[in-house]
């Protein structure tokens, strides 16, 4: 598939590439590598896409994940500073929109005037974004950029939406797997720390765990970190 945005999408070829990408995403061994593969796939598969990244919003602000170019980071920074922009809107839980497309940044866009003006200076000329979501959660926005105007048409939007659908499932699966691995590792670490405290202070299991829990609460330190300190130094402090 050519990536200049001027040809019709070869849907049979696109479907074959999507199938390969889906298998590749599931084969990644970390959340970071999964996200990197998602944004790289956007550049590879969506006609006209020059750069891609994922924007997530959280209580402390916004974060850019797996940017393929500095352009993505700069664009997200502008939107975060302004609290205005299409990626920012799509990633927001308060916004019902799941897809946006700006075909030409040379034109005026009353909805995001400040962002469009500054993004134009970065060299952005076309843009699309897709909410990454499953039935249970919203994960952020997959954003696609082009330095050429008018390359993102309806066919490109459909291609991006299909990619985003696969990407959301892979992202959610990778994150769940990572959380389970961390939970198992944390449980093992806490058990080891309890054993150390039981042996060195003649405590029961409940008493050893209470030592860890109380230190965690009183010092505002995560239980996992308290356990790590005990394992490394024999004491939480």
Protein backbone atom coordinates (compact mmCIF):
# COMPACT_ATOMS: atom_id res chain seq x y z
CA UNK A 1 0.00 0.00 0.00
CA UNK A 2 1.36 3.40 -0.92
CA UNK A 3 1.53 5.89 1.92
CA UNK A 4 0.98 9.15 0.02
CA UNK A 5 -2.76 9.31 0.53
CA UNK A 6 -3.49 9.70 -3.17
CA UNK A 7 -4.62 6.18 -4.09
CA UNK A 8 -7.70 4.21 -3.19
CA UNK A 9 -7.11 1.90 -0.23
CA UNK A 10 -6.43 -1.66 -1.33
CA UNK A 11 -8.78 -3.21 1.20
CA UNK A 12 -7.72 -6.80 0.56
CA UNK A 13 -4.09 -5.88 1.04
CA UNK A 14 -5.02 -3.74 4.04
CA UNK A 15 -6.90 -6.65 5.63
CA UNK A 16 -3.86 -8.91 5.22
CA UNK A 17 -1.62 -6.27 6.78
CA UNK A 18 -4.06 -5.76 9.65
CA UNK A 19 -4.11 -9.49 10.36
CA UNK A 20 -0.32 -9.53 10.48
CA UNK A 21 -0.31 -6.46 12.73
CA UNK A 22 -2.88 -7.99 15.11
CA UNK A 23 -0.73 -11.09 15.57
CA UNK A 24 2.35 -8.93 15.97
CA UNK A 25 0.69 -6.81 18.66
CA UNK A 26 -0.24 -9.85 20.71
CA UNK A 27 3.35 -11.11 20.44
CA UNK A 28 4.83 -8.03 22.13
CA UNK A 29 6.17 -8.66 25.62
CA UNK A 30 5.43 -5.31 27.27
CA UNK A 31 2.97 -2.44 27.22
CA UNK A 32 5.64 -0.09 25.89
CA UNK A 33 6.48 -2.32 22.94
CA UNK A 34 2.80 -2.84 22.20
CA UNK A 35 2.22 0.92 22.04
CA UNK A 36 5.33 1.45 19.92
CA UNK A 37 4.04 -1.16 17.48
CA UNK A 38 0.61 0.49 17.35
CA UNK A 39 1.92 3.92 16.39
CA UNK A 40 4.46 2.47 13.95
CA UNK A 41 1.62 0.51 12.32
CA UNK A 42 -0.38 3.71 11.88
CA UNK A 43 2.46 5.23 9.85
CA UNK A 44 2.91 2.01 7.87
CA UNK A 45 -0.75 1.24 7.14
CA UNK A 46 -2.78 4.46 6.97
CA UNK A 47 -2.34 6.35 3.67
CA UNK A 48 -0.77 9.76 4.16
CA UNK A 49 0.24 9.29 7.81
CA UNK A 50 3.67 10.75 8.57
CA UNK A 51 3.64 10.54 12.37
CA UNK A 52 1.55 9.06 15.14
CA UNK A 53 1.24 8.95 18.91
CA UNK A 54 -1.12 8.19 21.77
CA UNK A 55 -2.35 10.85 24.17
CA UNK A 56 -3.76 9.90 27.57
CA UNK A 57 -5.30 12.26 30.12
CA UNK A 58 -5.02 11.73 33.86
CA UNK A 59 -5.54 13.67 37.07
CA UNK A 60 -2.13 15.37 36.83
CA UNK A 61 -2.45 16.38 33.18
CA UNK A 62 -1.66 14.62 29.92
CA UNK A 63 1.02 12.22 28.70
CA UNK A 64 2.26 11.33 25.23
CA UNK A 65 2.97 7.65 24.63
CA UNK A 66 4.91 5.98 21.80
CA UNK A 67 5.41 9.08 19.61
CA UNK A 68 7.01 8.25 16.28
CA UNK A 69 8.38 11.79 15.92
CA UNK A 70 9.02 14.91 18.00
CA UNK A 71 6.17 16.52 16.07
CA UNK A 72 3.71 14.40 18.06
CA UNK A 73 5.19 15.44 21.41
CA UNK A 74 5.14 19.11 20.43
CA UNK A 75 1.54 18.92 19.23
CA UNK A 76 0.38 17.26 22.45
CA UNK A 77 2.28 19.82 24.53
CA UNK A 78 0.50 22.67 22.75
CA UNK A 79 -2.89 21.08 23.34
CA UNK A 80 -2.11 20.38 26.99
CA UNK A 81 -0.93 23.95 27.58
CA UNK A 82 -3.98 25.38 25.83
CA UNK A 83 -6.37 22.70 27.12
CA UNK A 84 -7.68 22.85 23.58
CA UNK A 85 -7.39 20.65 20.52
CA UNK A 86 -8.82 17.61 18.77
CA UNK A 87 -6.59 15.01 20.47
CA UNK A 88 -7.33 16.56 23.85
CA UNK A 89 -11.06 16.45 23.17
CA UNK A 90 -11.13 12.85 21.95
CA UNK A 91 -9.05 11.64 24.91
CA UNK A 92 -11.36 13.40 27.37
CA UNK A 93 -13.96 11.21 29.05
CA UNK A 94 -16.41 14.09 29.05
CA UNK A 95 -16.42 14.20 25.25
CA UNK A 96 -18.71 11.74 23.41
CA UNK A 97 -16.77 11.96 20.12
CA UNK A 98 -14.68 8.97 19.16
CA UNK A 99 -13.25 10.12 15.83
CA UNK A 100 -12.13 13.44 14.36
CA UNK A 101 -10.56 14.48 11.08
CA UNK A 102 -9.05 17.82 10.04
CA UNK A 103 -8.39 17.73 6.32
CA UNK A 104 -6.53 21.02 5.91
CA UNK A 105 -4.78 23.07 8.59
CA UNK A 106 -4.40 25.96 6.16
CA UNK A 107 -8.09 26.69 6.71
CA UNK A 108 -9.58 28.28 9.81
CA UNK A 109 -11.03 25.96 12.47
CA UNK A 110 -13.22 27.94 14.90
CA UNK A 111 -13.44 25.05 17.37
CA UNK A 112 -9.66 25.01 18.03
CA UNK A 113 -8.32 28.33 16.70
CA UNK A 114 -5.27 28.66 18.96
CA UNK A 115 -4.18 25.05 18.55
CA UNK A 116 -4.60 24.99 14.77
CA UNK A 117 -2.58 28.17 14.43
CA UNK A 118 0.34 26.82 16.47
CA UNK A 119 0.18 23.33 14.95
CA UNK A 120 0.39 24.91 11.51
CA UNK A 121 3.75 26.37 12.57
CA UNK A 122 4.93 22.86 13.47
CA UNK A 123 4.20 21.76 9.91
CA UNK A 124 0.97 19.87 10.56
CA UNK A 125 -1.35 20.04 7.55
CA UNK A 126 -3.79 17.16 8.14
CA UNK A 127 -4.77 15.21 11.21
CA UNK A 128 -7.00 12.38 12.45
CA UNK A 129 -7.66 10.96 15.90
CA UNK A 130 -9.44 7.93 17.27
CA UNK A 131 -10.53 7.07 20.79
CA UNK A 132 -8.95 3.82 21.95
CA UNK A 133 -11.70 2.10 23.87
CA UNK A 134 -13.13 -1.27 24.85
CA UNK A 135 -16.51 -2.07 26.37
CA UNK A 136 -15.02 -1.52 29.82
CA UNK A 137 -12.73 1.49 29.49
CA UNK A 138 -11.41 4.44 27.51
CA UNK A 139 -7.64 4.17 27.05
CA UNK A 140 -6.65 7.42 25.31
CA UNK A 141 -6.51 8.77 21.77
CA UNK A 142 -4.52 7.43 18.81
CA UNK A 143 -3.53 10.46 16.74
CA UNK A 144 -2.27 10.55 13.15
CA UNK A 145 -0.49 13.49 11.51
CA UNK A 146 0.41 14.42 7.96
CA UNK A 147 2.59 17.20 6.58
CA UNK A 148 0.42 17.30 3.45
CA UNK A 149 -3.08 18.81 3.27
CA UNK A 150 -6.09 16.82 2.16
CA UNK A 151 -4.57 13.34 2.43
CA UNK A 152 -6.92 12.02 5.11
CA UNK A 153 -10.20 11.21 3.37
CA UNK A 154 -13.09 8.93 4.35
CA UNK A 155 -11.21 5.82 3.26
CA UNK A 156 -8.24 6.83 5.39
CA UNK A 157 -10.54 7.48 8.31
CA UNK A 158 -12.02 4.00 7.95
CA UNK A 159 -8.53 2.50 7.82
CA UNK A 160 -7.53 4.42 10.93
CA UNK A 161 -10.66 3.40 12.77
CA UNK A 162 -10.05 -0.29 11.99
CA UNK A 163 -6.47 -0.02 13.19
CA UNK A 164 -7.57 1.78 16.36
CA UNK A 165 -10.12 -0.97 17.12
CA UNK A 166 -7.42 -3.65 17.00
CA UNK A 167 -5.02 -1.40 18.87
CA UNK A 168 -7.42 -0.80 21.75
CA UNK A 169 -7.87 -4.52 22.37
CA UNK A 170 -4.11 -5.14 22.25
CA UNK A 171 -3.40 -2.14 24.52
CA UNK A 172 -5.97 -3.28 27.07
CA UNK A 173 -4.72 -6.87 26.98
CA UNK A 174 -1.08 -5.85 27.38
CA UNK A 175 -1.89 -3.55 30.28
CA UNK A 176 -3.97 -6.21 32.06
CA UNK A 177 -1.17 -8.75 31.62
CA UNK A 178 1.37 -6.30 33.00
CA UNK A 179 -0.85 -5.54 35.99
CA UNK A 180 -1.26 -9.25 36.75
CA UNK A 181 2.49 -9.81 36.51
CA UNK A 182 3.12 -6.90 38.83
CA UNK A 183 0.50 -8.17 41.30
CA UNK A 184 2.14 -11.61 41.42
CA UNK A 185 5.59 -10.07 41.83
CA UNK A 186 4.33 -7.75 44.57
CA UNK A 187 2.69 -10.62 46.42
CA UNK A 188 5.94 -12.60 46.31
CA UNK A 189 7.93 -9.57 47.52
CA UNK A 190 5.55 -8.96 50.44
CA UNK A 191 5.70 -12.63 51.40
CA UNK A 192 9.49 -12.54 51.42
CA UNK A 193 9.51 -9.37 53.54
CA UNK A 194 7.05 -10.89 56.01
CA UNK A 195 9.30 -13.94 56.34
CA UNK A 196 12.28 -11.72 57.15
CA UNK A 197 10.33 -9.82 59.82
CA UNK A 198 8.91 -13.03 61.30
CA UNK A 199 12.38 -14.55 61.60
CA UNK A 200 14.18 -11.48 62.94
CA UNK A 201 11.49 -10.27 65.37
CA UNK A 202 9.66 -13.49 66.26
CA UNK A 203 6.36 -12.26 64.77
CA UNK A 204 3.34 -14.11 63.45
CA UNK A 205 2.23 -13.67 59.81
CA UNK A 206 -0.49 -11.24 60.82
CA UNK A 207 1.90 -9.21 62.97
CA UNK A 208 4.53 -9.06 60.22
CA UNK A 209 2.01 -7.90 57.66
CA UNK A 210 0.68 -5.31 60.12
CA UNK A 211 4.20 -3.89 60.47
CA UNK A 212 4.42 -3.45 56.70
CA UNK A 213 0.91 -2.02 56.42
CA UNK A 214 1.30 0.48 59.27
CA UNK A 215 4.66 1.74 57.99
CA UNK A 216 3.15 2.15 54.52
CA UNK A 217 0.20 4.18 55.82
CA UNK A 218 2.10 6.30 58.33
CA UNK A 219 4.89 7.23 55.90
CA UNK A 220 2.83 7.39 52.69
CA UNK A 221 5.03 4.76 51.03
CA UNK A 222 3.58 2.07 48.80
CA UNK A 223 3.39 -1.36 50.39
CA UNK A 224 5.50 -2.82 47.58
CA UNK A 225 8.28 -0.31 48.27
CA UNK A 226 8.17 -1.03 52.02
CA UNK A 227 8.51 -4.75 51.29
CA UNK A 228 11.44 -4.11 48.94
CA UNK A 229 13.25 -2.14 51.64
CA UNK A 230 12.79 -4.95 54.15
CA UNK A 231 14.10 -7.49 51.63
CA UNK A 232 17.16 -5.36 50.88
CA UNK A 233 17.93 -3.88 54.32
CA UNK A 234 16.06 -6.03 56.84
CA UNK A 235 13.85 -3.13 57.95
CA UNK A 236 11.28 -0.79 56.32
CA UNK A 237 13.03 2.40 57.35
